[in-house]
C-alpha cells in the first residue's frame, strides 16, 4: 500500500511540474471568501484551539500558496 501511495505522489508531482512552464503563485485573497463563508455559516458550539474568527489569519500563514 505504501508503494502505491508513493507512486501516486511521484506521478502527481511529475505531472504538475510538466503542466506549466511559468512560475505561478496564488493570491491568498482569492480564497478568503471561502473561509469567510464557512465561518459565517458555522455555529461554533465549542471554541477550538483556533477559533473561527482567527482561522483565516492562521491558515493564510500556514498554507503554501504556490
N, C-alpha and C. Protein backbone atom coordinates (compact mmCIF):
# COMPACT_ATOMS: atom_id res chain seq x y z
N UNK A 1 0.82 -1.19 0.00
CA UNK A 1 0.00 0.00 0.00
C UNK A 1 0.87 1.26 0.00
N UNK A 2 1.95 1.25 0.78
CA UNK A 2 2.83 2.41 0.83
C UNK A 2 3.49 2.68 -0.52
N UNK A 3 3.82 1.60 -1.26
CA UNK A 3 4.40 1.78 -2.59
C UNK A 3 3.42 2.46 -3.52
N UNK A 4 2.17 2.06 -3.42
CA UNK A 4 1.14 2.65 -4.27
C UNK A 4 0.97 4.14 -3.98
N UNK A 5 0.95 4.51 -2.73
CA UNK A 5 0.82 5.92 -2.35
C UNK A 5 2.05 6.69 -2.83
N UNK A 6 3.23 6.11 -2.65
CA UNK A 6 4.46 6.76 -3.10
C UNK A 6 4.45 6.98 -4.61
N UNK A 7 4.05 5.98 -5.36
CA UNK A 7 3.99 6.11 -6.82
C UNK A 7 2.96 7.14 -7.25
N UNK A 8 1.84 7.19 -6.56
CA UNK A 8 0.81 8.17 -6.87
C UNK A 8 1.32 9.58 -6.64
N UNK A 9 1.98 9.80 -5.52
CA UNK A 9 2.52 11.12 -5.21
C UNK A 9 3.60 11.52 -6.21
N UNK A 10 4.46 10.58 -6.57
CA UNK A 10 5.51 10.87 -7.56
C UNK A 10 4.91 11.23 -8.91
N UNK A 11 3.93 10.47 -9.34
CA UNK A 11 3.33 10.75 -10.64
C UNK A 11 2.60 12.09 -10.64
N UNK A 12 1.93 12.42 -9.55
CA UNK A 12 1.26 13.72 -9.46
C UNK A 12 2.28 14.85 -9.46
N UNK A 13 3.37 14.66 -8.74
CA UNK A 13 4.41 15.68 -8.68
C UNK A 13 5.03 15.90 -10.05
N UNK A 14 5.34 14.82 -10.74
CA UNK A 14 5.92 14.95 -12.07
C UNK A 14 4.93 15.57 -13.04
N UNK A 15 3.67 15.22 -12.91
CA UNK A 15 2.65 15.78 -13.78
C UNK A 15 2.47 17.27 -13.56
N UNK A 16 2.53 17.70 -12.32
CA UNK A 16 2.38 19.13 -12.02
C UNK A 16 3.58 19.90 -12.54
N UNK A 17 4.76 19.34 -12.39
CA UNK A 17 5.96 20.02 -12.87
C UNK A 17 5.92 20.24 -14.38
N UNK A 18 5.43 19.27 -15.11
CA UNK A 18 5.43 19.39 -16.55
C UNK A 18 4.19 20.14 -17.06
N UNK A 19 3.25 20.42 -16.19
CA UNK A 19 2.00 21.06 -16.60
C UNK A 19 2.21 22.52 -17.01
N UNK A 20 3.02 23.23 -16.28
CA UNK A 20 3.18 24.66 -16.54
C UNK A 20 4.66 25.01 -16.59
N UNK A 21 5.02 25.86 -17.52
CA UNK A 21 6.41 26.29 -17.65
C UNK A 21 6.69 27.58 -16.89
N UNK A 22 5.65 28.26 -16.46
CA UNK A 22 5.84 29.52 -15.74
C UNK A 22 5.63 29.32 -14.25
N UNK A 23 6.25 30.17 -13.47
CA UNK A 23 6.08 30.11 -12.03
C UNK A 23 4.82 30.89 -11.67
N UNK A 24 3.92 30.24 -10.99
CA UNK A 24 2.67 30.86 -10.62
C UNK A 24 2.52 30.80 -9.10
N UNK A 25 2.24 31.93 -8.50
CA UNK A 25 1.98 31.99 -7.06
C UNK A 25 0.54 32.46 -6.90
N UNK A 26 -0.24 31.69 -6.15
CA UNK A 26 -1.64 32.02 -5.94
C UNK A 26 -1.77 33.20 -4.97
N UNK A 27 -2.79 33.99 -5.17
CA UNK A 27 -3.07 35.12 -4.30
C UNK A 27 -3.98 34.65 -3.15
N UNK A 28 -3.51 34.73 -1.92
CA UNK A 28 -4.34 34.27 -0.79
C UNK A 28 -5.70 34.96 -0.70
N UNK A 29 -5.78 36.22 -1.09
CA UNK A 29 -7.06 36.94 -1.00
C UNK A 29 -8.12 36.36 -1.92
N UNK A 30 -7.70 35.62 -2.95
CA UNK A 30 -8.67 34.98 -3.84
C UNK A 30 -9.43 33.85 -3.15
N UNK A 31 -8.93 33.37 -2.02
CA UNK A 31 -9.53 32.24 -1.32
C UNK A 31 -10.20 32.63 -0.01
N UNK A 32 -10.00 33.87 0.41
CA UNK A 32 -10.53 34.32 1.71
C UNK A 32 -12.05 34.19 1.80
N UNK A 33 -12.76 34.43 0.71
CA UNK A 33 -14.23 34.39 0.77
C UNK A 33 -14.75 32.98 1.10
N UNK A 34 -13.99 31.94 0.75
CA UNK A 34 -14.40 30.59 1.12
C UNK A 34 -14.39 30.41 2.64
N UNK A 35 -13.34 30.89 3.27
CA UNK A 35 -13.22 30.76 4.72
C UNK A 35 -14.23 31.66 5.44
N UNK A 36 -14.43 32.86 4.91
CA UNK A 36 -15.42 33.76 5.50
C UNK A 36 -16.82 33.15 5.43
N UNK A 37 -17.17 32.57 4.28
CA UNK A 37 -18.49 31.95 4.12
C UNK A 37 -18.68 30.77 5.04
N UNK A 38 -17.65 29.92 5.14
CA UNK A 38 -17.75 28.76 6.02
C UNK A 38 -17.91 29.20 7.47
N UNK A 39 -17.09 30.15 7.90
CA UNK A 39 -17.15 30.59 9.29
C UNK A 39 -18.44 31.33 9.59
N UNK A 40 -19.02 32.01 8.62
CA UNK A 40 -20.30 32.69 8.81
C UNK A 40 -21.42 31.68 9.03
N UNK A 41 -21.37 30.57 8.28
CA UNK A 41 -22.42 29.55 8.37
C UNK A 41 -22.22 28.57 9.52
N UNK A 42 -21.03 28.55 10.08
CA UNK A 42 -20.71 27.58 11.13
C UNK A 42 -21.13 28.09 12.50
N UNK A 43 -21.87 27.27 13.21
CA UNK A 43 -22.25 27.59 14.57
C UNK A 43 -21.18 26.99 15.49
N UNK A 44 -20.28 27.81 15.96
CA UNK A 44 -19.15 27.35 16.75
C UNK A 44 -19.60 27.07 18.19
N UNK A 45 -20.07 25.84 18.41
CA UNK A 45 -20.56 25.47 19.74
C UNK A 45 -19.44 25.45 20.77
N UNK A 46 -18.31 24.89 20.38
CA UNK A 46 -17.17 24.76 21.28
C UNK A 46 -15.96 25.41 20.62
N UNK A 47 -15.43 26.42 21.28
CA UNK A 47 -14.27 27.10 20.71
C UNK A 47 -13.07 26.16 20.75
N UNK A 48 -12.42 26.01 19.62
CA UNK A 48 -11.26 25.13 19.50
C UNK A 48 -9.97 25.92 19.71
N UNK A 49 -8.85 25.26 19.47
CA UNK A 49 -7.53 25.89 19.63
C UNK A 49 -7.44 27.16 18.78
N UNK A 50 -7.96 27.10 17.55
CA UNK A 50 -8.01 28.27 16.68
C UNK A 50 -9.48 28.56 16.42
N UNK A 51 -10.02 29.61 17.02
CA UNK A 51 -11.44 29.93 16.83
C UNK A 51 -11.72 30.40 15.41
N UNK A 52 -12.98 30.37 15.03
CA UNK A 52 -13.38 30.74 13.67
C UNK A 52 -12.92 32.14 13.27
N UNK A 53 -12.98 33.08 14.19
CA UNK A 53 -12.61 34.45 13.82
C UNK A 53 -11.11 34.63 13.60
N UNK A 54 -10.30 33.64 13.98
CA UNK A 54 -8.85 33.69 13.77
C UNK A 54 -8.39 32.68 12.72
N UNK A 55 -9.31 31.92 12.16
CA UNK A 55 -8.94 30.84 11.25
C UNK A 55 -8.22 31.34 10.01
N UNK A 56 -8.73 32.40 9.38
CA UNK A 56 -8.11 32.87 8.14
C UNK A 56 -6.69 33.38 8.40
N UNK A 57 -6.49 34.10 9.48
CA UNK A 57 -5.15 34.61 9.80
C UNK A 57 -4.17 33.46 9.98
N UNK A 58 -4.60 32.43 10.68
CA UNK A 58 -3.73 31.27 10.88
C UNK A 58 -3.47 30.54 9.57
N UNK A 59 -4.53 30.24 8.83
CA UNK A 59 -4.37 29.45 7.61
C UNK A 59 -3.60 30.20 6.53
N UNK A 60 -3.77 31.50 6.45
CA UNK A 60 -3.04 32.29 5.45
C UNK A 60 -1.54 32.16 5.66
N UNK A 61 -1.11 32.07 6.91
CA UNK A 61 0.32 31.93 7.17
C UNK A 61 0.79 30.48 7.12
N UNK A 62 -0.13 29.52 7.20
CA UNK A 62 0.25 28.11 7.25
C UNK A 62 0.15 27.40 5.90
N UNK A 63 -0.67 27.91 4.98
CA UNK A 63 -0.89 27.26 3.68
C UNK A 63 0.14 27.76 2.68
N UNK A 64 0.85 26.87 2.02
CA UNK A 64 1.76 27.33 0.95
C UNK A 64 0.97 27.65 -0.32
N UNK A 65 0.94 28.89 -0.72
CA UNK A 65 0.20 29.30 -1.92
C UNK A 65 1.15 29.31 -3.11
N UNK A 66 1.45 28.11 -3.62
CA UNK A 66 2.30 28.02 -4.81
C UNK A 66 1.66 27.18 -5.86
